[in-house]
Amino acid sequence: MHPVAAHAVNLVKALRPPLKYGVVLSSYGWGGGARRQALEVLGPTKIEVIDTLEVNGPPSDEDHKKIVEIGKQLAAKIRG
């Protein structure tokens, strides 16, 4: 996981903001695994991870469509 992303995830875990839902989006160039790391850190929190997506390299048009769909799922969940 990129150090800035790791810091952000750790801040969410440490500060415990009143978040109910989230998503994990990850892009990697060689090893992957950031999605797994983020889910491990967020596991003890009460945040429900709606969906995840891990992309190898630059996102394709299909990846962009999946990201938009994940955003719609998150928005629908928040609106309840």
N, C-alpha and C. Protein backbone atom coordinates (compact mmCIF):
# COMPACT_ATOMS: atom_id res chain seq x y z
N MET A 1 0.85 -1.16 0.00
CA MET A 1 0.00 0.00 0.00
C MET A 1 0.90 1.24 0.00
N HIS A 2 0.52 2.22 -0.79
CA HIS A 2 1.26 3.47 -0.84
C HIS A 2 1.27 4.08 0.57
N PRO A 3 2.39 4.66 1.00
CA PRO A 3 2.47 5.20 2.36
C PRO A 3 1.38 6.22 2.69
N VAL A 4 0.99 7.05 1.75
CA VAL A 4 -0.07 8.03 2.02
C VAL A 4 -1.41 7.33 2.22
N ALA A 5 -1.69 6.32 1.42
CA ALA A 5 -2.93 5.55 1.58
C ALA A 5 -2.92 4.80 2.92
N ALA A 6 -1.78 4.21 3.27
CA ALA A 6 -1.67 3.51 4.55
C ALA A 6 -1.91 4.47 5.71
N HIS A 7 -1.37 5.68 5.61
CA HIS A 7 -1.58 6.69 6.65
C HIS A 7 -3.06 7.04 6.76
N ALA A 8 -3.73 7.23 5.63
CA ALA A 8 -5.16 7.58 5.64
C ALA A 8 -5.98 6.47 6.29
N VAL A 9 -5.70 5.22 5.93
CA VAL A 9 -6.45 4.09 6.50
C VAL A 9 -6.19 3.99 8.00
N ASN A 10 -4.94 4.20 8.40
CA ASN A 10 -4.63 4.14 9.83
C ASN A 10 -5.28 5.29 10.59
N LEU A 11 -5.40 6.46 9.97
CA LEU A 11 -6.10 7.58 10.62
C LEU A 11 -7.57 7.23 10.84
N VAL A 12 -8.20 6.62 9.86
CA VAL A 12 -9.60 6.21 10.01
C VAL A 12 -9.72 5.24 11.17
N LYS A 13 -8.80 4.30 11.26
CA LYS A 13 -8.84 3.32 12.35
C LYS A 13 -8.61 3.99 13.70
N ALA A 14 -7.65 4.90 13.77
CA ALA A 14 -7.29 5.53 15.05
C ALA A 14 -8.33 6.55 15.51
N LEU A 15 -8.80 7.38 14.59
CA LEU A 15 -9.70 8.47 14.96
C LEU A 15 -11.16 8.03 15.07
N ARG A 16 -11.50 6.92 14.43
CA ARG A 16 -12.86 6.37 14.45
C ARG A 16 -13.93 7.43 14.16
N PRO A 17 -13.84 8.05 12.98
CA PRO A 17 -14.88 9.03 12.62
C PRO A 17 -16.22 8.31 12.46
N PRO A 18 -17.31 9.05 12.51
CA PRO A 18 -18.62 8.41 12.45
C PRO A 18 -18.99 7.93 11.04
N LEU A 19 -18.15 7.11 10.47
CA LEU A 19 -18.40 6.53 9.15
C LEU A 19 -19.13 5.21 9.30
N LYS A 20 -20.11 4.98 8.46
CA LYS A 20 -20.82 3.71 8.48
C LYS A 20 -20.42 2.82 7.30
N TYR A 21 -20.11 3.46 6.17
CA TYR A 21 -19.87 2.72 4.93
C TYR A 21 -18.63 3.25 4.23
N GLY A 22 -18.00 2.39 3.45
CA GLY A 22 -16.85 2.80 2.68
C GLY A 22 -16.60 1.84 1.53
N VAL A 23 -15.66 2.20 0.69
CA VAL A 23 -15.21 1.34 -0.40
C VAL A 23 -13.68 1.37 -0.40
N VAL A 24 -13.09 0.37 -0.98
CA VAL A 24 -11.64 0.32 -1.13
C VAL A 24 -11.33 0.20 -2.61
N LEU A 25 -10.64 1.22 -3.13
CA LEU A 25 -10.19 1.22 -4.52
C LEU A 25 -8.68 1.20 -4.52
N SER A 26 -8.08 0.36 -5.34
CA SER A 26 -6.64 0.21 -5.36
C SER A 26 -6.14 0.04 -6.78
N SER A 27 -4.99 0.64 -7.05
CA SER A 27 -4.31 0.46 -8.33
C SER A 27 -2.87 0.08 -8.03
N TYR A 28 -2.35 -0.88 -8.75
CA TYR A 28 -0.98 -1.31 -8.50
C TYR A 28 -0.26 -1.56 -9.82
N GLY A 29 1.06 -1.57 -9.75
CA GLY A 29 1.85 -1.77 -10.94
C GLY A 29 2.61 -3.08 -10.95
N TRP A 30 2.84 -3.65 -9.77
CA TRP A 30 3.63 -4.87 -9.78
C TRP A 30 3.16 -5.92 -8.78
N GLY A 31 2.92 -5.56 -7.54
CA GLY A 31 2.67 -6.59 -6.54
C GLY A 31 1.25 -6.74 -6.08
N GLY A 32 0.50 -5.67 -6.06
CA GLY A 32 -0.86 -5.74 -5.54
C GLY A 32 -0.87 -5.91 -4.03
N GLY A 33 -2.03 -6.20 -3.49
CA GLY A 33 -2.14 -6.46 -2.06
C GLY A 33 -2.63 -5.30 -1.23
N ALA A 34 -2.74 -4.11 -1.81
CA ALA A 34 -3.18 -2.95 -1.04
C ALA A 34 -4.62 -3.13 -0.56
N ARG A 35 -5.45 -3.73 -1.38
CA ARG A 35 -6.85 -3.97 -0.99
C ARG A 35 -6.89 -4.84 0.26
N ARG A 36 -6.11 -5.91 0.25
CA ARG A 36 -6.05 -6.83 1.40
C ARG A 36 -5.57 -6.09 2.64
N GLN A 37 -4.51 -5.28 2.48
CA GLN A 37 -3.97 -4.53 3.62
C GLN A 37 -5.01 -3.56 4.18
N ALA A 38 -5.69 -2.84 3.31
CA ALA A 38 -6.70 -1.88 3.76
C ALA A 38 -7.83 -2.59 4.50
N LEU A 39 -8.27 -3.72 3.98
CA LEU A 39 -9.35 -4.46 4.63
C LEU A 39 -8.91 -5.00 5.99
N GLU A 40 -7.65 -5.40 6.11
CA GLU A 40 -7.13 -5.87 7.40
C GLU A 40 -7.15 -4.75 8.44
N VAL A 41 -6.73 -3.56 8.04
CA VAL A 41 -6.70 -2.43 8.96
C VAL A 41 -8.11 -1.99 9.33
N LEU A 42 -9.02 -1.97 8.35
CA LEU A 42 -10.39 -1.53 8.60
C LEU A 42 -11.25 -2.60 9.28
N GLY A 43 -10.78 -3.83 9.28
CA GLY A 43 -11.55 -4.93 9.86
C GLY A 43 -12.09 -4.68 11.25
N PRO A 44 -11.27 -4.21 12.19
CA PRO A 44 -11.76 -3.98 13.56
C PRO A 44 -12.72 -2.79 13.69
N THR A 45 -12.80 -1.95 12.69
CA THR A 45 -13.71 -0.81 12.77
C THR A 45 -15.13 -1.28 12.47
N LYS A 46 -16.09 -0.41 12.67
CA LYS A 46 -17.48 -0.77 12.39
C LYS A 46 -17.91 -0.30 11.00
N ILE A 47 -16.94 0.04 10.16
CA ILE A 47 -17.25 0.50 8.80
C ILE A 47 -17.58 -0.71 7.93
N GLU A 48 -18.74 -0.65 7.29
CA GLU A 48 -19.14 -1.70 6.35
C GLU A 48 -18.55 -1.36 4.99
N VAL A 49 -17.66 -2.21 4.50
CA VAL A 49 -17.06 -2.00 3.19
C VAL A 49 -18.04 -2.54 2.15
N ILE A 50 -18.60 -1.63 1.37
CA ILE A 50 -19.63 -1.97 0.40
C ILE A 50 -19.07 -2.80 -0.75
N ASP A 51 -17.90 -2.41 -1.26
CA ASP A 51 -17.30 -3.13 -2.38
C ASP A 51 -15.83 -2.74 -2.46
N THR A 52 -15.08 -3.50 -3.22
CA THR A 52 -13.66 -3.21 -3.44
C THR A 52 -13.34 -3.41 -4.91
N LEU A 53 -12.28 -2.75 -5.35
CA LEU A 53 -11.80 -2.95 -6.71
C LEU A 53 -10.30 -2.73 -6.70
N GLU A 54 -9.57 -3.69 -7.27
CA GLU A 54 -8.12 -3.59 -7.39
C GLU A 54 -7.78 -3.67 -8.88
N VAL A 55 -7.11 -2.65 -9.39
CA VAL A 55 -6.81 -2.53 -10.81
C VAL A 55 -5.29 -2.64 -11.00
N ASN A 56 -4.89 -3.44 -11.97
CA ASN A 56 -3.47 -3.55 -12.31
C ASN A 56 -3.17 -2.56 -13.42
N GLY A 57 -2.39 -1.53 -13.08
CA GLY A 57 -2.02 -0.51 -14.05
C GLY A 57 -3.10 0.55 -14.20
N PRO A 58 -3.04 1.31 -15.27
CA PRO A 58 -4.05 2.35 -15.49
C PRO A 58 -5.44 1.72 -15.65
N PRO A 59 -6.48 2.36 -15.12
CA PRO A 59 -7.82 1.80 -15.24
C PRO A 59 -8.33 1.83 -16.68
N SER A 60 -8.99 0.77 -17.07
CA SER A 60 -9.59 0.68 -18.40
C SER A 60 -10.98 1.33 -18.37
N ASP A 61 -11.61 1.42 -19.52
CA ASP A 61 -12.97 1.93 -19.57
C ASP A 61 -13.90 1.06 -18.72
N GLU A 62 -13.69 -0.24 -18.75
CA GLU A 62 -14.50 -1.16 -17.94
C GLU A 62 -14.27 -0.90 -16.44
N ASP A 63 -13.02 -0.65 -16.05
CA ASP A 63 -12.73 -0.32 -14.66
C ASP A 63 -13.44 0.96 -14.24
N HIS A 64 -13.45 1.96 -15.11
CA HIS A 64 -14.15 3.22 -14.82
C HIS A 64 -15.64 2.96 -14.60
N LYS A 65 -16.22 2.09 -15.42
CA LYS A 65 -17.63 1.75 -15.26
C LYS A 65 -17.87 1.07 -13.91
N LYS A 66 -16.95 0.18 -13.52
CA LYS A 66 -17.08 -0.50 -12.22
C LYS A 66 -16.98 0.51 -11.08
N ILE A 67 -16.07 1.47 -11.20
CA ILE A 67 -15.90 2.49 -10.16
C ILE A 67 -17.18 3.32 -10.02
N VAL A 68 -17.76 3.70 -11.14
CA VAL A 68 -19.02 4.46 -11.10
C VAL A 68 -20.11 3.62 -10.43
N GLU A 69 -20.19 2.35 -10.77
CA GLU A 69 -21.20 1.47 -10.17
C GLU A 69 -20.98 1.34 -8.66
N ILE A 70 -19.73 1.19 -8.24
CA ILE A 70 -19.42 1.12 -6.82
C ILE A 70 -19.84 2.41 -6.12
N GLY A 71 -19.59 3.54 -6.76
CA GLY A 71 -20.01 4.83 -6.20
C GLY A 71 -21.51 4.91 -6.05
N LYS A 72 -22.24 4.39 -7.03
CA LYS A 72 -23.70 4.38 -6.94
C LYS A 72 -24.18 3.48 -5.81
N GLN A 73 -23.52 2.33 -5.64
CA GLN A 73 -23.86 1.42 -4.53
C GLN A 73 -23.64 2.12 -3.19
N LEU A 74 -22.51 2.81 -3.07
CA LEU A 74 -22.20 3.52 -1.82
C LEU A 74 -23.22 4.62 -1.57
N ALA A 75 -23.55 5.40 -2.60
CA ALA A 75 -24.53 6.47 -2.43
C ALA A 75 -25.89 5.92 -2.02
N ALA A 76 -26.30 4.82 -2.63
CA ALA A 76 -27.59 4.21 -2.27
C ALA A 76 -27.59 3.73 -0.82
N LYS A 77 -26.48 3.18 -0.39
CA LYS A 77 -26.38 2.71 0.99
C LYS A 77 -26.44 3.87 1.97
N ILE A 78 -25.76 4.96 1.64
CA ILE A 78 -25.75 6.13 2.51
C ILE A 78 -27.15 6.74 2.60
N ARG A 79 -27.83 6.81 1.47
CA ARG A 79 -29.19 7.38 1.45
C ARG A 79 -30.16 6.50 2.22
N GLY A 80 -29.84 5.21 2.28
CA GLY A 80 -30.62 4.26 3.04
C GLY A 80 -32.02 4.17 2.63
